[in-house]
Amino acid sequence: MRRCSFLAIQTFSFSGWDVENGPINGQPAFSPDVLISLTAPKLCAKHFQGRAHYLGGRFVPEALAAKYHLQLPEYPGTECIVKLS
């Protein structure tokens, strides 16, 4: 893909990435500088190598988090977004 000189921010998963396995071998793939995961990070986020990864949406009920074994971080104060890396 062409290099660009602007800050790229992506929500959910990236163009050219499998939502569970990350970049697809041999395919052009978008690699943003910043990732914002909504609800919970997708499995492909473990391959993210950008500047920062944020989680947005502190709206997951405790029962749902327990049902799916989600280990979500604490949000500071009344923040709706938390920095993961």
C-alpha atoms as a PDB file:
ATOM      1  CA  MET A   1       0.000   0.000   0.000  1.00  0.00           C
ATOM      2  CA  ARG A   2       1.126   3.558  -0.532  1.00  0.00           C
ATOM      3  CA  ARG A   3       2.730   5.416   2.349  1.00  0.00           C
ATOM      4  CA  CYS A   4       0.858   8.494   3.517  1.00  0.00           C
ATOM      5  CA  SER A   5       1.842  11.365   5.740  1.00  0.00           C
ATOM      6  CA  PHE A   6      -1.252  11.592   7.933  1.00  0.00           C
ATOM      7  CA  LEU A   7      -2.266   9.923  11.170  1.00  0.00           C
ATOM      8  CA  ALA A   8      -4.518   6.947  10.413  1.00  0.00           C
ATOM      9  CA  ILE A   9      -7.072   5.886  13.008  1.00  0.00           C
ATOM     10  CA  GLN A  10      -9.201   2.762  12.568  1.00  0.00           C
ATOM     11  CA  THR A  11     -12.165   1.357  14.453  1.00  0.00           C
ATOM     12  CA  PHE A  12     -13.139  -2.315  14.551  1.00  0.00           C
ATOM     13  CA  SER A  13     -10.766  -4.267  12.281  1.00  0.00           C
ATOM     14  CA  PHE A  14      -8.549  -3.235   9.399  1.00  0.00           C
ATOM     15  CA  SER A  15      -9.078  -3.458   5.645  1.00  0.00           C
ATOM     16  CA  GLY A  16      -7.233  -6.539   4.412  1.00  0.00           C
ATOM     17  CA  TRP A  17      -7.225  -8.224   7.843  1.00  0.00           C
ATOM     18  CA  ASP A  18      -9.109 -11.309   8.971  1.00  0.00           C
ATOM     19  CA  VAL A  19     -11.072 -10.349  12.109  1.00  0.00           C
ATOM     20  CA  GLU A  20      -9.625 -13.310  14.031  1.00  0.00           C
ATOM     21  CA  ASN A  21      -6.240 -14.033  12.414  1.00  0.00           C
ATOM     22  CA  GLY A  22      -4.929 -10.600  11.456  1.00  0.00           C
ATOM     23  CA  PRO A  23      -3.210  -9.728   8.159  1.00  0.00           C
ATOM     24  CA  ILE A  24      -3.953 -12.070   5.276  1.00  0.00           C
ATOM     25  CA  ASN A  25      -0.707 -13.342   3.726  1.00  0.00           C
ATOM     26  CA  GLY A  26      -0.069 -11.971   0.255  1.00  0.00           C
ATOM     27  CA  GLN A  27      -2.869  -9.389   0.477  1.00  0.00           C
ATOM     28  CA  PRO A  28      -2.408  -5.618   0.761  1.00  0.00           C
ATOM     29  CA  ALA A  29      -3.427  -4.633   4.281  1.00  0.00           C
ATOM     30  CA  PHE A  30      -4.093  -1.331   6.015  1.00  0.00           C
ATOM     31  CA  SER A  31      -2.020  -0.737   9.167  1.00  0.00           C
ATOM     32  CA  PRO A  32      -3.301   2.291  11.102  1.00  0.00           C
ATOM     33  CA  ASP A  33      -1.370   4.302  13.666  1.00  0.00           C
ATOM     34  CA  VAL A  34      -4.170   4.098  16.238  1.00  0.00           C
ATOM     35  CA  LEU A  35      -6.791   1.392  16.816  1.00  0.00           C
ATOM     36  CA  ILE A  36     -10.052   1.986  18.659  1.00  0.00           C
ATOM     37  CA  SER A  37     -11.743  -1.275  19.617  1.00  0.00           C
ATOM     38  CA  LEU A  38     -15.436  -1.110  20.453  1.00  0.00           C
ATOM     39  CA  THR A  39     -16.993  -3.274  23.196  1.00  0.00           C
ATOM     40  CA  ALA A  40     -13.973  -5.629  23.378  1.00  0.00           C
ATOM     41  CA  PRO A  41     -10.784  -6.030  21.309  1.00  0.00           C
ATOM     42  CA  LYS A  42     -11.141  -8.438  18.390  1.00  0.00           C
ATOM     43  CA  LEU A  43      -8.641 -11.306  18.132  1.00  0.00           C
ATOM     44  CA  CYS A  44      -6.830  -9.616  15.231  1.00  0.00           C
ATOM     45  CA  ALA A  45      -5.832  -6.762  17.591  1.00  0.00           C
ATOM     46  CA  LYS A  46      -3.021  -8.942  18.979  1.00  0.00           C
ATOM     47  CA  HIS A  47      -1.213  -8.305  15.660  1.00  0.00           C
ATOM     48  CA  PHE A  48      -1.634  -4.507  15.905  1.00  0.00           C
ATOM     49  CA  GLN A  49       1.718  -2.691  16.000  1.00  0.00           C
ATOM     50  CA  GLY A  50       0.649   0.947  15.815  1.00  0.00           C
ATOM     51  CA  ARG A  51       1.150   3.824  18.268  1.00  0.00           C
ATOM     52  CA  ALA A  52      -1.835   3.280  20.554  1.00  0.00           C
ATOM     53  CA  HIS A  53      -4.796   0.951  21.117  1.00  0.00           C
ATOM     54  CA  TYR A  54      -7.911   2.241  22.854  1.00  0.00           C
ATOM     55  CA  LEU A  55     -11.066   0.488  24.011  1.00  0.00           C
ATOM     56  CA  GLY A  56     -14.316   2.417  23.774  1.00  0.00           C
ATOM     57  CA  GLY A  57     -17.735   1.613  25.144  1.00  0.00           C
ATOM     58  CA  ARG A  58     -18.095   0.855  28.805  1.00  0.00           C
ATOM     59  CA  PHE A  59     -21.569  -0.471  28.143  1.00  0.00           C
ATOM     60  CA  VAL A  60     -20.962  -4.234  28.494  1.00  0.00           C
ATOM     61  CA  PRO A  61     -23.113  -5.561  31.364  1.00  0.00           C
ATOM     62  CA  GLU A  62     -21.202  -7.652  33.918  1.00  0.00           C
ATOM     63  CA  ALA A  63     -23.365 -10.708  33.162  1.00  0.00           C
ATOM     64  CA  LEU A  64     -22.472 -10.547  29.458  1.00  0.00           C
ATOM     65  CA  ALA A  65     -18.768 -10.064  30.214  1.00  0.00           C
ATOM     66  CA  ALA A  66     -18.885 -13.115  32.505  1.00  0.00           C
ATOM     67  CA  LYS A  67     -20.791 -15.226  29.957  1.00  0.00           C
ATOM     68  CA  TYR A  68     -18.142 -14.627  27.273  1.00  0.00           C
ATOM     69  CA  HIS A  69     -15.190 -14.580  29.699  1.00  0.00           C
ATOM     70  CA  LEU A  70     -14.291 -10.994  28.758  1.00  0.00           C
ATOM     71  CA  GLN A  71     -11.521  -9.475  30.848  1.00  0.00           C
ATOM     72  CA  LEU A  72     -12.274  -5.807  30.341  1.00  0.00           C
ATOM     73  CA  PRO A  73     -10.187  -3.053  31.948  1.00  0.00           C
ATOM     74  CA  GLU A  74     -11.460  -0.579  34.494  1.00  0.00           C
ATOM     75  CA  TYR A  75     -12.431   2.788  33.033  1.00  0.00           C
ATOM     76  CA  PRO A  76     -11.122   5.772  35.012  1.00  0.00           C
ATOM     77  CA  GLY A  77     -13.846   7.949  36.536  1.00  0.00           C
ATOM     78  CA  THR A  78     -16.623   8.525  34.033  1.00  0.00           C
ATOM     79  CA  GLU A  79     -14.448   7.995  30.942  1.00  0.00           C
ATOM     80  CA  CYS A  80     -15.984   6.072  28.041  1.00  0.00           C
ATOM     81  CA  ILE A  81     -12.608   5.141  26.557  1.00  0.00           C
ATOM     82  CA  VAL A  82      -9.470   3.596  28.043  1.00  0.00           C
ATOM     83  CA  LYS A  83      -5.968   3.266  26.583  1.00  0.00           C
ATOM     84  CA  LEU A  84      -4.825  -0.360  26.314  1.00  0.00           C
ATOM     85  CA  SER A  85      -1.352   0.207  24.826  1.00  0.00           C
END
